[in-house]
Amino acid sequence: AIEYHYDKQQLKAALKSVGVKRGDIIFSHVGMGFLGYPKEGRTLADMFKVVSSALLEALEPDGTLLVPTYSYSFCKSEPFDVQATPSTVGYFTERFRQLPQVKRSAEPIFSVAGIGLKADELFANLPSTCFGPDCLYDRLVKADASICNIGVGFRYATFVHYAEETFGVPYRFKKTFAGNIINNGIAAPSSFTYYVRTGVDDSTTFPDLRQLEKEARTRGYCKSHPVGKGEVTTISCRNLLQLCKEGIKQDPWYLAKGINKK
């Protein structure tokens, strides 16, 4: 029986083959379990160590790694503590948030944690909008960053909500949430605008990125490489935005389930 599915060197080789190199800025959605077990160990802590160190080593010495640490705090009428509020989007993101040297954006709904050369700059003085002009995703496009997903494939890309707001879609609208942001123990009232789904109970407004993924792969914008039981994918934020723009222009429901999609 196979005791493991991949090791750190294979993961690093896969990152290299999809174009991740030193100095890059990458935003990663990580699903460690989808890769299976690494040779280095079977615990979550072992898996975290393998994946995080492979990513950081691929970018060193002057790259930047960003990871979602979304808390949806204001949506739940809760205060957001930059240093203490846990990430609600998986073990990897919560462990990453707690690493020394990691910075976190003071964003009470979709906060992001980052380590590396450009993290401070990307997080500095963010506007009070989750997906509007000059939001983090807007800055990622301007900084020529890429989305690099590990295990989860292409279907996780919060970035698309930035495209939806930028180009306008019929199934979302701007809603403002208020609350307190606590930073280094000091609380300050704040409000943030989030492009929310209309009719939250309506499944037609759910994200559906299958068409986007197909186009991205067909055009060669999305590079992928198998690792263990899963794969690593990358796409530049600029190319992703361009695909979303073209798709939404042809069909405003391009990034959502809609009514007629099978």
Protein backbone atom coordinates (compact mmCIF):
# COMPACT_ATOMS: atom_id res chain seq x y z
CA ALA A 1 0.00 0.00 0.00
CA ILE A 2 1.18 3.54 -0.77
CA GLU A 3 2.02 5.35 2.43
CA TYR A 4 2.02 8.77 0.76
CA HIS A 5 0.94 10.54 -2.46
CA TYR A 6 3.55 13.28 -2.95
CA ASP A 7 6.47 15.02 -1.28
CA LYS A 8 7.67 18.59 -0.94
CA GLN A 9 10.11 18.33 -3.86
CA GLN A 10 7.30 17.19 -6.19
CA LEU A 11 5.15 20.08 -5.05
CA LYS A 12 7.98 22.55 -5.63
CA ALA A 13 8.59 21.05 -9.09
CA ALA A 14 4.88 21.42 -9.90
CA LEU A 15 4.91 25.07 -8.78
CA LYS A 16 7.91 25.69 -11.01
CA SER A 17 6.25 23.98 -13.97
CA VAL A 18 3.13 26.20 -13.70
CA GLY A 19 5.39 29.24 -13.74
CA VAL A 20 5.73 30.24 -10.07
CA LYS A 21 9.15 31.82 -9.61
CA ARG A 22 11.12 33.94 -7.17
CA GLY A 23 9.80 37.47 -6.78
CA ASP A 24 6.25 36.64 -7.87
CA ILE A 25 3.14 37.80 -6.05
CA ILE A 26 0.68 34.94 -5.73
CA PHE A 27 -2.72 34.60 -4.11
CA SER A 28 -3.38 30.98 -3.11
CA HIS A 29 -6.52 29.07 -2.27
CA VAL A 30 -5.29 25.82 -0.72
CA GLY A 31 -7.09 22.51 -0.16
CA MET A 32 -4.36 20.32 1.34
CA GLY A 33 -6.53 17.22 1.60
CA PHE A 34 -7.13 17.08 -2.15
CA LEU A 35 -3.46 16.27 -2.72
CA GLY A 36 -3.50 13.25 -0.39
CA TYR A 37 -0.74 12.66 2.17
CA PRO A 38 2.78 14.05 1.80
CA LYS A 39 5.79 11.79 2.39
CA GLU A 40 6.80 14.08 5.27
CA GLY A 41 3.85 13.15 7.49
CA ARG A 42 0.12 12.52 7.80
CA THR A 43 -0.99 15.14 10.33
CA LEU A 44 -2.57 18.47 9.35
CA ALA A 45 0.47 20.19 10.85
CA ASP A 46 2.79 18.10 8.63
CA MET A 47 0.71 18.88 5.55
CA PHE A 48 0.65 22.58 6.38
CA LYS A 49 4.42 22.65 6.81
CA VAL A 50 5.02 20.93 3.46
CA VAL A 51 2.62 23.12 1.45
CA SER A 52 3.51 26.46 3.08
CA SER A 53 7.27 25.89 2.90
CA ALA A 54 7.07 24.71 -0.74
CA LEU A 55 5.18 27.91 -1.65
CA LEU A 56 7.48 30.22 0.29
CA GLU A 57 10.64 28.55 -1.05
CA ALA A 58 9.36 28.87 -4.62
CA LEU A 59 8.93 32.65 -4.14
CA GLU A 60 12.04 33.42 -2.09
CA PRO A 61 13.74 35.69 -1.40
CA ASP A 62 11.64 38.60 -2.65
CA GLY A 63 8.23 37.15 -3.54
CA THR A 64 4.90 37.61 -1.76
CA LEU A 65 2.40 34.94 -0.74
CA LEU A 66 -1.21 35.93 0.00
CA VAL A 67 -3.81 33.62 1.51
CA PRO A 68 -7.51 34.29 2.20
CA THR A 69 -8.42 34.59 5.90
CA TYR A 70 -12.05 35.59 5.40
CA SER A 71 -14.10 36.01 8.56
CA TYR A 72 -17.30 37.66 7.21
CA SER A 73 -17.34 39.48 10.59
CA PHE A 74 -19.41 42.53 9.61
CA CYS A 75 -21.91 40.31 7.75
CA LYS A 76 -22.43 38.48 11.05
CA SER A 77 -22.67 41.77 13.03
CA GLU A 78 -19.43 40.91 14.82
CA PRO A 79 -16.38 43.11 15.41
CA PHE A 80 -13.28 42.25 13.38
CA ASP A 81 -9.98 41.96 15.26
CA VAL A 82 -7.13 42.06 12.74
CA GLN A 83 -4.79 40.09 15.01
CA ALA A 84 -7.25 37.73 16.73
CA THR A 85 -10.34 36.99 14.62
CA PRO A 86 -9.91 33.46 13.22
CA SER A 87 -10.07 32.69 9.52
CA THR A 88 -13.22 30.74 8.65
CA VAL A 89 -11.92 29.34 5.36
CA GLY A 90 -9.95 26.28 6.34
CA TYR A 91 -7.13 24.93 8.48
CA PHE A 92 -4.36 26.07 6.13
CA THR A 93 -5.45 29.71 6.20
CA GLU A 94 -5.82 29.82 10.00
CA ARG A 95 -2.37 28.29 10.54
CA PHE A 96 -0.84 30.63 7.95
CA ARG A 97 -2.40 33.65 9.67
CA GLN A 98 -0.57 32.75 12.87
CA LEU A 99 2.92 32.47 11.36
CA PRO A 100 5.46 35.06 12.50
CA GLN A 101 6.07 37.82 9.90
CA VAL A 102 2.56 37.41 8.49
CA LYS A 103 0.58 40.62 7.94
CA ARG A 104 -3.21 40.74 7.65
CA SER A 105 -5.41 43.26 5.88
CA ALA A 106 -7.81 45.26 8.07
CA GLU A 107 -10.75 44.03 6.01
CA PRO A 108 -13.74 42.98 8.16
CA ILE A 109 -15.32 40.63 5.61
CA PHE A 110 -12.67 39.30 3.21
CA SER A 111 -9.38 39.80 5.06
CA VAL A 112 -6.22 38.40 3.49
CA ALA A 113 -2.96 37.36 5.18
CA GLY A 114 0.35 37.88 3.46
CA ILE A 115 4.06 37.36 3.87
CA GLY A 116 6.85 38.80 1.76
CA LEU A 117 8.15 41.91 0.07
CA LYS A 118 4.90 43.46 -1.21
CA ALA A 119 2.47 42.48 1.57
CA ASP A 120 2.60 45.82 3.42
CA GLU A 121 2.16 47.81 0.23
CA LEU A 122 -0.80 45.71 -0.95
CA PHE A 123 -2.57 46.03 2.41
CA ALA A 124 -1.84 49.72 3.11
CA ASN A 125 -4.81 52.10 3.30
CA LEU A 126 -7.29 49.82 1.58
CA PRO A 127 -10.58 51.54 0.65
CA SER A 128 -13.80 50.55 2.43
CA THR A 129 -14.98 48.30 -0.39
CA CYS A 130 -14.52 44.54 -0.70
CA PHE A 131 -14.46 44.42 -4.50
CA GLY A 132 -14.60 48.04 -5.72
CA PRO A 133 -11.88 50.33 -7.15
CA ASP A 134 -8.46 50.01 -5.45
CA CYS A 135 -9.55 46.94 -3.43
CA LEU A 136 -6.91 44.26 -2.94
CA TYR A 137 -7.95 42.41 -6.12
CA ASP A 138 -7.66 45.63 -8.13
CA ARG A 139 -4.15 46.07 -6.71
CA LEU A 140 -3.27 42.47 -7.62
CA VAL A 141 -4.07 43.16 -11.28
CA LYS A 142 -1.92 46.30 -11.27
CA ALA A 143 0.92 44.42 -9.52
CA ASP A 144 0.81 41.64 -12.15
CA ALA A 145 0.01 38.99 -9.54
CA SER A 146 -1.31 35.48 -10.19
CA ILE A 147 -3.84 33.18 -8.57
CA CYS A 148 -2.09 29.92 -7.68
CA ASN A 149 -4.44 27.27 -6.31
CA ILE A 150 -3.27 24.09 -4.63
CA GLY A 151 -5.59 21.08 -4.52
CA VAL A 152 -8.84 22.99 -4.99
CA GLY A 153 -8.46 23.44 -8.73
CA PHE A 154 -9.97 26.45 -10.40
CA ARG A 155 -13.33 26.56 -8.70
CA TYR A 156 -12.19 28.76 -5.83
CA ALA A 157 -11.44 32.30 -6.99
CA THR A 158 -12.86 35.10 -4.89
CA PHE A 159 -11.23 37.35 -7.49
CA VAL A 160 -14.24 36.84 -9.78
CA HIS A 161 -16.41 38.97 -7.45
CA TYR A 162 -14.08 41.88 -8.23
CA ALA A 163 -14.70 41.23 -11.95
CA GLU A 164 -18.47 41.04 -11.31
CA GLU A 165 -18.46 44.42 -9.58
CA THR A 166 -16.09 46.00 -12.12
CA PHE A 167 -18.21 45.02 -15.13
CA GLY A 168 -21.61 44.88 -13.39
CA VAL A 169 -23.84 41.80 -13.17
CA PRO A 170 -27.62 41.59 -12.68
CA TYR A 171 -27.55 39.21 -9.71
CA ARG A 172 -25.48 41.25 -7.25
CA PHE A 173 -25.86 44.64 -5.58
CA LYS A 174 -23.82 46.86 -3.27
CA LYS A 175 -24.69 46.60 0.40
CA THR A 176 -22.90 48.39 3.23
CA PHE A 177 -22.10 46.66 6.53
CA ALA A 178 -20.92 48.50 9.64
CA GLY A 179 -19.03 47.47 12.77
CA ASN A 180 -15.83 47.89 14.71
CA ILE A 181 -12.38 47.04 13.38
CA ILE A 182 -9.94 46.31 16.21
CA ASN A 183 -6.29 46.76 15.26
CA ASN A 184 -3.57 46.22 17.86
CA GLY A 185 -6.18 46.49 20.59
CA ILE A 186 -7.71 49.76 19.36
CA ALA A 187 -11.31 49.66 18.13
CA ALA A 188 -12.58 52.03 15.45
CA PRO A 189 -16.04 52.16 13.85
CA SER A 190 -16.01 51.39 10.14
CA SER A 191 -18.31 50.48 7.27
CA PHE A 192 -17.56 48.32 4.25
CA THR A 193 -19.42 47.89 0.97
CA TYR A 194 -19.77 44.34 -0.31
CA TYR A 195 -21.23 43.33 -3.70
CA VAL A 196 -23.67 40.74 -2.34
CA ARG A 197 -25.86 38.23 -4.14
CA THR A 198 -29.51 39.12 -4.68
CA GLY A 199 -31.86 36.52 -3.18
CA VAL A 200 -29.38 34.61 -1.06
CA ASP A 201 -31.75 31.61 -1.10
CA ASP A 202 -31.73 31.64 -4.87
CA SER A 203 -29.30 29.02 -6.20
CA THR A 204 -29.20 30.66 -9.67
CA THR A 205 -26.97 33.40 -8.20
CA PHE A 206 -24.35 30.92 -6.89
CA PRO A 207 -20.92 31.18 -8.54
CA ASP A 208 -20.33 28.72 -11.38
CA LEU A 209 -16.86 28.99 -12.87
CA ARG A 210 -16.96 25.95 -15.18
CA GLN A 211 -17.26 27.99 -18.37
CA LEU A 212 -14.52 30.36 -17.20
CA GLU A 213 -12.24 27.44 -16.37
CA LYS A 214 -12.84 25.82 -19.75
CA GLU A 215 -11.94 29.05 -21.58
CA ALA A 216 -8.89 29.64 -19.37
CA ARG A 217 -7.56 26.14 -20.06
CA THR A 218 -8.39 26.24 -23.77
CA ARG A 219 -6.53 29.51 -24.24
CA GLY A 220 -3.57 28.32 -22.19
CA TYR A 221 -4.07 31.08 -19.59
CA CYS A 222 -4.53 28.50 -16.84
CA LYS A 223 -1.49 26.28 -16.35
CA SER A 224 -1.85 23.11 -14.32
CA HIS A 225 0.38 20.31 -13.08
CA PRO A 226 -0.62 17.16 -11.20
CA VAL A 227 0.58 16.68 -7.61
CA GLY A 228 -0.40 13.63 -5.59
CA LYS A 229 -4.15 13.09 -5.97
CA GLY A 230 -4.73 16.68 -7.10
CA GLU A 231 -3.16 19.49 -9.06
CA VAL A 232 -1.65 22.96 -8.86
CA THR A 233 -3.10 25.66 -11.13
CA THR A 234 -2.02 29.21 -11.94
CA ILE A 235 -3.55 32.05 -13.91
CA SER A 236 -2.47 35.68 -14.04
CA CYS A 237 -4.96 38.13 -12.53
CA ARG A 238 -4.81 40.19 -15.73
CA ASN A 239 -5.77 37.25 -17.92
CA LEU A 240 -8.47 36.19 -15.49
CA LEU A 241 -9.97 39.70 -15.50
CA GLN A 242 -9.87 39.81 -19.30
CA LEU A 243 -11.69 36.46 -19.60
CA CYS A 244 -14.34 37.61 -17.10
CA LYS A 245 -14.80 40.86 -19.04
CA GLU A 246 -15.35 39.06 -22.34
CA GLY A 247 -17.60 36.44 -20.76
CA ILE A 248 -19.80 38.93 -18.88
CA LYS A 249 -20.12 41.07 -22.02
CA GLN A 250 -21.52 38.06 -23.92
CA ASP A 251 -23.60 36.74 -21.02
CA PRO A 252 -24.15 38.76 -17.81
CA TRP A 253 -24.69 35.43 -15.98
CA TYR A 254 -21.35 34.01 -17.23
CA LEU A 255 -19.94 33.57 -13.69
CA ALA A 256 -23.15 32.37 -12.00
CA LYS A 257 -25.32 29.26 -12.18
CA GLY A 258 -28.14 31.13 -13.90
CA ILE A 259 -31.35 29.44 -14.96
CA ASN A 260 -30.46 27.56 -18.13
CA LYS A 261 -27.03 26.14 -17.32
CA LYS A 262 -26.83 22.39 -17.11
